[in-house]
Amino acid sequence: ASIHFQLGNLEITRKNYHKARLALLEALRIWTAIYADNDHFDICITLQGLGKAARGEDDLQSAWQYFEAERQALQRLSATTHGAADRRLGAEVTTNLHWLRTLAKDRGDRPTALALGKQIEELKA
């Protein structure tokens, strides 16, 4: 799974978004099998990578779905995370909200972009 994840990220940097999505989908399939019904950071960051790749292909609907799935997984994960993992979780939540705001702007959804911006500011406070 880690190798597929790294390949996916490499393809994103090369702007080869189709290959990135294929590699990241395989990573997600493996992570999901490993962690079963439990949420994990590996699943969250893979969903984020899939969102980036979908956006790169101008598939804004799929990108939104991936980032929204990541947000939901992060929310579930926050209920069980403590200590140093809380700081990492906070950083992931903020990054996720930034991506969702970017997508809202891409879609021309100003009210959602503003609401997400407010959530980001509240997290910083």
Foldseek 3Di string as FASTA:
>chain_A
DVVLQVVLVVCVVVLVLVSSLVSLVVQLVVVCVVQPPAFDVSNLVSLQSNLSSCVSVVVLVSSLVSLVVSLVSLVVVCVPDDDPVNVVSLVSNLVSLVSNLVSCVVVVNVVSNVVSVVVNVVSVD
